[in-house]
Amino acid sequence: MDKIQQRPITIMIADDHKLFAEGLFAILSEQSDFKVIGMAANGKEILHLLNHQLPDVLILDLNMPILDGEMAAEKVRQLFPSVKIMVLSMYYTTKLSAKLEDIGVRAFIQKDTNAETLFEIIIGIQQGEEYFQKAKSDPPASSVFNDGDHFQKSHNLTAREMEILKLISEDYSSQQIAQKLFIALNTVDTHRKNMAQKLNVTGKAGLLKFALENKLR
């Protein structure tokens, strides 16, 4: 890859998938063009880090606890407008892409993007470019994620809770959800308890019934 930078591009990473975040840290740190100066597991943590040091580029996941990527991006744009934001996510729709672009995010790409492309996009947005991938496929019309904003807000659910609720609808156990999302089992159980309280249902059976009744499959 062409060496066109006078100094390494400084980067912070916010992603609660520990294995993914550590892997991203490793491949970026191998490149002389980049220097990772901070890592966080949620939006609140990254805002705390930004109060002490600003990177050139912030790489955000969307589905994080406490403060998700979309809300974090809005706050970063308000408080630290010089920071260029890249969103990496498993979920990618044209509607979400347009929303993030309106916020001021510079790039929105899927997590299966190869490393070389990722490197090029980071350098590009540092130089003032923008990159918004074309969605490989939007969710089917029957999916609640097609109208996820209304559903999520009306039930006061976080993006991570929506993700877990969909997996519950597909009959994943807490252990399976933890493994799939690379989060701790007790984190899944905490999300289950919070959702049950918000949705006024009882236990795992109540969450499953709610998910199926609202066609989250």
C-alpha atoms as a PDB file:
ATOM      1  CA  MET A   1       0.000   0.000   0.000  1.00  0.00           C
ATOM      2  CA  ASP A   2       1.306   3.450  -0.915  1.00  0.00           C
ATOM      3  CA  LYS A   3       2.926   5.398   1.877  1.00  0.00           C
ATOM      4  CA  ILE A   4       1.417   8.847   1.449  1.00  0.00           C
ATOM      5  CA  GLN A   5       1.140  10.006   5.045  1.00  0.00           C
ATOM      6  CA  GLN A   6       3.623  12.387   6.708  1.00  0.00           C
ATOM      7  CA  ARG A   7       2.784  10.834  10.069  1.00  0.00           C
ATOM      8  CA  PRO A   8       0.657   7.907  11.219  1.00  0.00           C
ATOM      9  CA  ILE A   9      -3.088   8.471  11.252  1.00  0.00           C
ATOM     10  CA  THR A  10      -4.198   8.254  14.874  1.00  0.00           C
ATOM     11  CA  ILE A  11      -7.215   6.017  15.487  1.00  0.00           C
ATOM     12  CA  MET A  12      -9.600   5.147  18.306  1.00  0.00           C
ATOM     13  CA  ILE A  13     -11.843   2.076  18.240  1.00  0.00           C
ATOM     14  CA  ALA A  14     -15.213   1.657  19.976  1.00  0.00           C
ATOM     15  CA  ASP A  15     -16.645  -1.871  19.746  1.00  0.00           C
ATOM     16  CA  ASP A  16     -17.995  -4.169  22.461  1.00  0.00           C
ATOM     17  CA  HIS A  17     -17.110  -7.311  20.481  1.00  0.00           C
ATOM     18  CA  LYS A  18     -13.795  -7.880  22.241  1.00  0.00           C
ATOM     19  CA  LEU A  19     -12.362 -10.379  19.753  1.00  0.00           C
ATOM     20  CA  PHE A  20     -13.239  -8.167  16.799  1.00  0.00           C
ATOM     21  CA  ALA A  21     -11.844  -5.046  18.457  1.00  0.00           C
ATOM     22  CA  GLU A  22      -8.599  -6.785  19.377  1.00  0.00           C
ATOM     23  CA  GLY A  23      -8.273  -8.172  15.859  1.00  0.00           C
ATOM     24  CA  LEU A  24      -8.838  -4.719  14.377  1.00  0.00           C
ATOM     25  CA  PHE A  25      -6.268  -3.264  16.750  1.00  0.00           C
ATOM     26  CA  ALA A  26      -3.754  -5.913  15.683  1.00  0.00           C
ATOM     27  CA  ILE A  27      -4.082  -5.427  11.920  1.00  0.00           C
ATOM     28  CA  LEU A  28      -4.010  -1.633  12.186  1.00  0.00           C
ATOM     29  CA  SER A  29      -0.992  -1.679  14.488  1.00  0.00           C
ATOM     30  CA  GLU A  30       0.950  -3.719  11.936  1.00  0.00           C
ATOM     31  CA  GLN A  31       0.698  -0.821   9.462  1.00  0.00           C
ATOM     32  CA  SER A  32       3.104   2.108   9.771  1.00  0.00           C
ATOM     33  CA  ASP A  33       0.386   4.418   8.385  1.00  0.00           C
ATOM     34  CA  PHE A  34      -1.743   3.993  11.534  1.00  0.00           C
ATOM     35  CA  LYS A  35      -1.434   4.329  15.287  1.00  0.00           C
ATOM     36  CA  VAL A  36      -4.253   3.148  17.574  1.00  0.00           C
ATOM     37  CA  ILE A  37      -4.326   5.475  20.592  1.00  0.00           C
ATOM     38  CA  GLY A  38      -7.444   4.268  22.385  1.00  0.00           C
ATOM     39  CA  MET A  39     -10.072   1.528  22.630  1.00  0.00           C
ATOM     40  CA  ALA A  40     -13.516   1.483  24.249  1.00  0.00           C
ATOM     41  CA  ALA A  41     -16.384  -0.978  24.654  1.00  0.00           C
ATOM     42  CA  ASN A  42     -19.239   1.529  24.296  1.00  0.00           C
ATOM     43  CA  GLY A  43     -20.109   5.075  23.309  1.00  0.00           C
ATOM     44  CA  LYS A  44     -19.857   6.451  26.832  1.00  0.00           C
ATOM     45  CA  GLU A  45     -16.310   5.161  27.217  1.00  0.00           C
ATOM     46  CA  ILE A  46     -15.209   6.619  23.887  1.00  0.00           C
ATOM     47  CA  LEU A  47     -16.568  10.055  24.800  1.00  0.00           C
ATOM     48  CA  HIS A  48     -14.537   9.889  28.014  1.00  0.00           C
ATOM     49  CA  LEU A  49     -11.390   9.062  26.028  1.00  0.00           C
ATOM     50  CA  LEU A  50     -12.059  11.883  23.568  1.00  0.00           C
ATOM     51  CA  ASN A  51     -12.142  14.368  26.428  1.00  0.00           C
ATOM     52  CA  HIS A  52      -8.460  13.588  27.002  1.00  0.00           C
ATOM     53  CA  GLN A  53      -7.094  12.986  23.496  1.00  0.00           C
ATOM     54  CA  LEU A  54      -8.472  13.363  19.971  1.00  0.00           C
ATOM     55  CA  PRO A  55      -7.670  10.901  17.173  1.00  0.00           C
ATOM     56  CA  ASP A  56      -7.769  11.666  13.482  1.00  0.00           C
ATOM     57  CA  VAL A  57     -10.264   8.846  12.895  1.00  0.00           C
ATOM     58  CA  LEU A  58     -12.802   7.173  15.187  1.00  0.00           C
ATOM     59  CA  ILE A  59     -14.001   3.682  14.221  1.00  0.00           C
ATOM     60  CA  LEU A  60     -17.418   2.941  15.736  1.00  0.00           C
ATOM     61  CA  ASP A  61     -19.578  -0.149  15.974  1.00  0.00           C
ATOM     62  CA  LEU A  62     -23.336   0.531  15.923  1.00  0.00           C
ATOM     63  CA  ASN A  63     -24.595  -2.029  18.425  1.00  0.00           C
ATOM     64  CA  MET A  64     -23.000  -1.176  21.763  1.00  0.00           C
ATOM     65  CA  PRO A  65     -24.410  -1.040  25.306  1.00  0.00           C
ATOM     66  CA  ILE A  66     -24.971   2.141  27.341  1.00  0.00           C
ATOM     67  CA  LEU A  67     -24.561   4.467  24.351  1.00  0.00           C
ATOM     68  CA  ASP A  68     -24.847   2.945  20.879  1.00  0.00           C
ATOM     69  CA  GLY A  69     -22.844   3.933  17.813  1.00  0.00           C
ATOM     70  CA  GLU A  70     -25.467   6.153  16.216  1.00  0.00           C
ATOM     71  CA  MET A  71     -25.957   8.225  19.371  1.00  0.00           C
ATOM     72  CA  ALA A  72     -22.215   8.310  19.989  1.00  0.00           C
ATOM     73  CA  ALA A  73     -21.617   9.564  16.445  1.00  0.00           C
ATOM     74  CA  GLU A  74     -24.090  12.411  16.979  1.00  0.00           C
ATOM     75  CA  LYS A  75     -22.379  13.457  20.215  1.00  0.00           C
ATOM     76  CA  VAL A  76     -18.892  13.214  18.716  1.00  0.00           C
ATOM     77  CA  ARG A  77     -19.943  15.412  15.805  1.00  0.00           C
ATOM     78  CA  GLN A  78     -21.339  17.981  18.256  1.00  0.00           C
ATOM     79  CA  LEU A  79     -18.468  17.941  20.748  1.00  0.00           C
ATOM     80  CA  PHE A  80     -15.439  16.990  18.635  1.00  0.00           C
ATOM     81  CA  PRO A  81     -16.167  18.030  15.026  1.00  0.00           C
ATOM     82  CA  SER A  82     -12.553  17.592  13.895  1.00  0.00           C
ATOM     83  CA  VAL A  83     -12.716  13.815  14.468  1.00  0.00           C
ATOM     84  CA  LYS A  84     -13.562  11.850  11.327  1.00  0.00           C
ATOM     85  CA  ILE A  85     -15.966   8.992  12.020  1.00  0.00           C
ATOM     86  CA  MET A  86     -16.049   5.592  10.335  1.00  0.00           C
ATOM     87  CA  VAL A  87     -18.816   3.146  11.232  1.00  0.00           C
ATOM     88  CA  LEU A  88     -18.196  -0.598  10.921  1.00  0.00           C
ATOM     89  CA  SER A  89     -21.266  -2.788  11.378  1.00  0.00           C
ATOM     90  CA  MET A  90     -22.757  -6.203  10.703  1.00  0.00           C
ATOM     91  CA  TYR A  91     -26.001  -4.462   9.737  1.00  0.00           C
ATOM     92  CA  TYR A  92     -26.109  -2.250   6.668  1.00  0.00           C
ATOM     93  CA  THR A  93     -29.177  -0.719   5.036  1.00  0.00           C
ATOM     94  CA  THR A  94     -29.583   2.222   2.681  1.00  0.00           C
ATOM     95  CA  LYS A  95     -31.854   3.927   5.213  1.00  0.00           C
ATOM     96  CA  LEU A  96     -29.275   3.664   7.978  1.00  0.00           C
ATOM     97  CA  SER A  97     -26.520   4.727   5.604  1.00  0.00           C
ATOM     98  CA  ALA A  98     -28.416   7.915   4.728  1.00  0.00           C
ATOM     99  CA  LYS A  99     -29.020   8.686   8.409  1.00  0.00           C
ATOM    100  CA  LEU A 100     -25.351   8.310   9.310  1.00  0.00           C
ATOM    101  CA  GLU A 101     -24.324  10.428   6.347  1.00  0.00           C
ATOM    102  CA  ASP A 102     -26.688  13.172   7.571  1.00  0.00           C
ATOM    103  CA  ILE A 103     -25.067  13.019  11.018  1.00  0.00           C
ATOM    104  CA  GLY A 104     -21.685  13.626   9.428  1.00  0.00           C
ATOM    105  CA  VAL A 105     -20.151  10.156   9.471  1.00  0.00           C
ATOM    106  CA  ARG A 106     -17.454   9.938   6.783  1.00  0.00           C
ATOM    107  CA  ALA A 107     -17.657   6.207   6.035  1.00  0.00           C
ATOM    108  CA  PHE A 108     -20.052   3.341   6.699  1.00  0.00           C
ATOM    109  CA  ILE A 109     -18.904  -0.148   5.775  1.00  0.00           C
ATOM    110  CA  GLN A 110     -19.671  -3.739   6.666  1.00  0.00           C
ATOM    111  CA  LYS A 111     -17.482  -5.777   8.979  1.00  0.00           C
ATOM    112  CA  ASP A 112     -16.660  -8.315   6.288  1.00  0.00           C
ATOM    113  CA  THR A 113     -14.676  -5.689   4.358  1.00  0.00           C
ATOM    114  CA  ASN A 114     -11.122  -6.883   3.678  1.00  0.00           C
ATOM    115  CA  ALA A 115      -8.174  -5.301   5.470  1.00  0.00           C
ATOM    116  CA  GLU A 116      -6.624  -3.639   2.422  1.00  0.00           C
ATOM    117  CA  THR A 117      -9.886  -1.894   1.560  1.00  0.00           C
ATOM    118  CA  LEU A 118     -10.255  -0.798   5.173  1.00  0.00           C
ATOM    119  CA  PHE A 119      -6.768   0.742   5.116  1.00  0.00           C
ATOM    120  CA  GLU A 120      -7.509   2.625   1.906  1.00  0.00           C
ATOM    121  CA  ILE A 121     -10.805   3.986   3.254  1.00  0.00           C
ATOM    122  CA  ILE A 122      -9.179   5.221   6.472  1.00  0.00           C
ATOM    123  CA  ILE A 123      -6.530   7.083   4.490  1.00  0.00           C
ATOM    124  CA  GLY A 124      -9.203   8.403   2.138  1.00  0.00           C
ATOM    125  CA  ILE A 125     -11.459   9.858   4.825  1.00  0.00           C
ATOM    126  CA  GLN A 126      -8.444  11.401   6.550  1.00  0.00           C
ATOM    127  CA  GLN A 127      -7.820  13.218   3.262  1.00  0.00           C
ATOM    128  CA  GLY A 128     -11.409  14.445   3.077  1.00  0.00           C
ATOM    129  CA  GLU A 129     -13.130  11.682   1.138  1.00  0.00           C
ATOM    130  CA  GLU A 130     -16.344   9.865   2.053  1.00  0.00           C
ATOM    131  CA  TYR A 131     -17.250   6.224   1.545  1.00  0.00           C
ATOM    132  CA  PHE A 132     -20.691   4.672   1.862  1.00  0.00           C
ATOM    133  CA  GLN A 133     -20.922   1.094   0.669  1.00  0.00           C
ATOM    134  CA  LYS A 134     -23.876   0.013  -1.381  1.00  0.00           C
ATOM    135  CA  ALA A 135     -25.982  -2.293   0.777  1.00  0.00           C
ATOM    136  CA  LYS A 136     -25.645  -5.922  -0.240  1.00  0.00           C
ATOM    137  CA  SER A 137     -29.246  -6.492   0.748  1.00  0.00           C
ATOM    138  CA  ASP A 138     -31.798  -4.569   2.760  1.00  0.00           C
ATOM    139  CA  PRO A 139     -33.982  -6.477   5.241  1.00  0.00           C
ATOM    140  CA  PRO A 140     -37.204  -7.963   3.841  1.00  0.00           C
ATOM    141  CA  ALA A 141     -40.366  -5.890   4.158  1.00  0.00           C
ATOM    142  CA  SER A 142     -41.714  -8.241   6.834  1.00  0.00           C
ATOM    143  CA  SER A 143     -38.767  -7.558   9.107  1.00  0.00           C
ATOM    144  CA  VAL A 144     -39.181  -5.178  12.016  1.00  0.00           C
ATOM    145  CA  PHE A 145     -35.730  -3.809  11.210  1.00  0.00           C
ATOM    146  CA  ASN A 146     -37.253  -2.257   8.083  1.00  0.00           C
ATOM    147  CA  ASP A 147     -39.067   0.092  10.481  1.00  0.00           C
ATOM    148  CA  GLY A 148     -36.628  -0.385  13.306  1.00  0.00           C
ATOM    149  CA  ASP A 149     -36.434   3.254  14.373  1.00  0.00           C
ATOM    150  CA  HIS A 150     -40.116   3.499  15.267  1.00  0.00           C
ATOM    151  CA  PHE A 151     -40.241   0.068  16.912  1.00  0.00           C
ATOM    152  CA  GLN A 152     -37.032   0.586  18.874  1.00  0.00           C
ATOM    153  CA  LYS A 153     -37.960   4.049  20.136  1.00  0.00           C
ATOM    154  CA  SER A 154     -41.553   3.149  20.933  1.00  0.00           C
ATOM    155  CA  HIS A 155     -40.338   0.349  23.210  1.00  0.00           C
ATOM    156  CA  ASN A 156     -37.315   2.287  24.546  1.00  0.00           C
ATOM    157  CA  LEU A 157     -34.910  -0.428  23.375  1.00  0.00           C
ATOM    158  CA  THR A 158     -31.223   0.022  22.588  1.00  0.00           C
ATOM    159  CA  ALA A 159     -29.691  -1.221  19.347  1.00  0.00           C
ATOM    160  CA  ARG A 160     -28.011  -4.068  21.230  1.00  0.00           C
ATOM    161  CA  GLU A 161     -31.314  -5.062  22.848  1.00  0.00           C
ATOM    162  CA  MET A 162     -32.951  -5.154  19.409  1.00  0.00           C
ATOM    163  CA  GLU A 163     -30.149  -7.401  18.196  1.00  0.00           C
ATOM    164  CA  ILE A 164     -30.522  -9.782  21.140  1.00  0.00           C
ATOM    165  CA  LEU A 165     -34.323  -9.773  20.895  1.00  0.00           C
ATOM    166  CA  LYS A 166     -34.105 -10.869  17.269  1.00  0.00           C
ATOM    167  CA  LEU A 167     -31.792 -13.729  18.243  1.00  0.00           C
ATOM    168  CA  ILE A 168     -34.215 -14.704  21.004  1.00  0.00           C
ATOM    169  CA  SER A 169     -36.950 -14.868  18.361  1.00  0.00           C
ATOM    170  CA  GLU A 170     -34.744 -17.322  16.462  1.00  0.00           C
ATOM    171  CA  ASP A 171     -34.612 -19.483  19.622  1.00  0.00           C
ATOM    172  CA  TYR A 172     -30.972 -18.784  20.499  1.00  0.00           C
ATOM    173  CA  SER A 173     -30.048 -19.552  24.106  1.00  0.00           C
ATOM    174  CA  SER A 174     -28.232 -16.974  26.231  1.00  0.00           C
ATOM    175  CA  GLN A 175     -25.005 -18.950  25.794  1.00  0.00           C
ATOM    176  CA  GLN A 176     -25.421 -19.047  22.016  1.00  0.00           C
ATOM    177  CA  ILE A 177     -26.162 -15.312  21.907  1.00  0.00           C
ATOM    178  CA  ALA A 178     -23.063 -14.576  23.967  1.00  0.00           C
ATOM    179  CA  GLN A 179     -20.904 -16.643  21.619  1.00  0.00           C
ATOM    180  CA  LYS A 180     -22.424 -15.160  18.465  1.00  0.00           C
ATOM    181  CA  LEU A 181     -22.031 -11.561  19.645  1.00  0.00           C
ATOM    182  CA  PHE A 182     -18.687 -12.094  21.434  1.00  0.00           C
ATOM    183  CA  ILE A 183     -20.036 -10.748  24.722  1.00  0.00           C
ATOM    184  CA  ALA A 184     -20.155 -12.172  28.231  1.00  0.00           C
ATOM    185  CA  LEU A 185     -22.992 -14.465  29.273  1.00  0.00           C
ATOM    186  CA  ASN A 186     -23.880 -12.214  32.214  1.00  0.00           C
ATOM    187  CA  THR A 187     -24.100  -9.280  29.779  1.00  0.00           C
ATOM    188  CA  VAL A 188     -26.740 -11.180  27.787  1.00  0.00           C
ATOM    189  CA  ASP A 189     -28.636 -11.980  30.985  1.00  0.00           C
ATOM    190  CA  THR A 190     -28.527  -8.321  32.009  1.00  0.00           C
ATOM    191  CA  HIS A 191     -29.937  -7.302  28.643  1.00  0.00           C
ATOM    192  CA  ARG A 192     -32.681  -9.917  29.010  1.00  0.00           C
ATOM    193  CA  LYS A 193     -33.674  -8.542  32.430  1.00  0.00           C
ATOM    194  CA  ASN A 194     -33.676  -4.950  31.169  1.00  0.00           C
ATOM    195  CA  MET A 195     -35.793  -5.865  28.139  1.00  0.00           C
ATOM    196  CA  ALA A 196     -38.257  -7.843  30.236  1.00  0.00           C
ATOM    197  CA  GLN A 197     -38.749  -4.812  32.469  1.00  0.00           C
ATOM    198  CA  LYS A 198     -39.132  -2.399  29.539  1.00  0.00           C
ATOM    199  CA  LEU A 199     -41.551  -4.687  27.685  1.00  0.00           C
ATOM    200  CA  ASN A 200     -43.469  -5.679  30.827  1.00  0.00           C
ATOM    201  CA  VAL A 201     -43.003  -9.410  30.265  1.00  0.00           C
ATOM    202  CA  THR A 202     -41.765 -12.195  32.524  1.00  0.00           C
ATOM    203  CA  GLY A 203     -38.579 -14.145  31.912  1.00  0.00           C
ATOM    204  CA  LYS A 204     -37.248 -15.865  28.795  1.00  0.00           C
ATOM    205  CA  ALA A 205     -40.621 -17.245  27.790  1.00  0.00           C
ATOM    206  CA  GLY A 206     -42.165 -13.774  27.902  1.00  0.00           C
ATOM    207  CA  LEU A 207     -39.414 -12.297  25.732  1.00  0.00           C
ATOM    208  CA  LEU A 208     -39.739 -15.109  23.202  1.00  0.00           C
ATOM    209  CA  LYS A 209     -43.513 -14.676  23.025  1.00  0.00           C
ATOM    210  CA  PHE A 210     -43.133 -10.914  22.553  1.00  0.00           C
ATOM    211  CA  ALA A 211     -40.530 -11.387  19.821  1.00  0.00           C
ATOM    212  CA  LEU A 212     -42.688 -13.882  17.929  1.00  0.00           C
ATOM    213  CA  GLU A 213     -45.864 -11.792  18.272  1.00  0.00           C
ATOM    214  CA  ASN A 214     -44.004  -8.810  16.795  1.00  0.00           C
ATOM    215  CA  LYS A 215     -42.568 -10.890  13.921  1.00  0.00           C
ATOM    216  CA  LEU A 216     -38.933 -10.330  14.765  1.00  0.00           C
ATOM    217  CA  ARG A 217     -37.838 -13.471  12.952  1.00  0.00           C
END
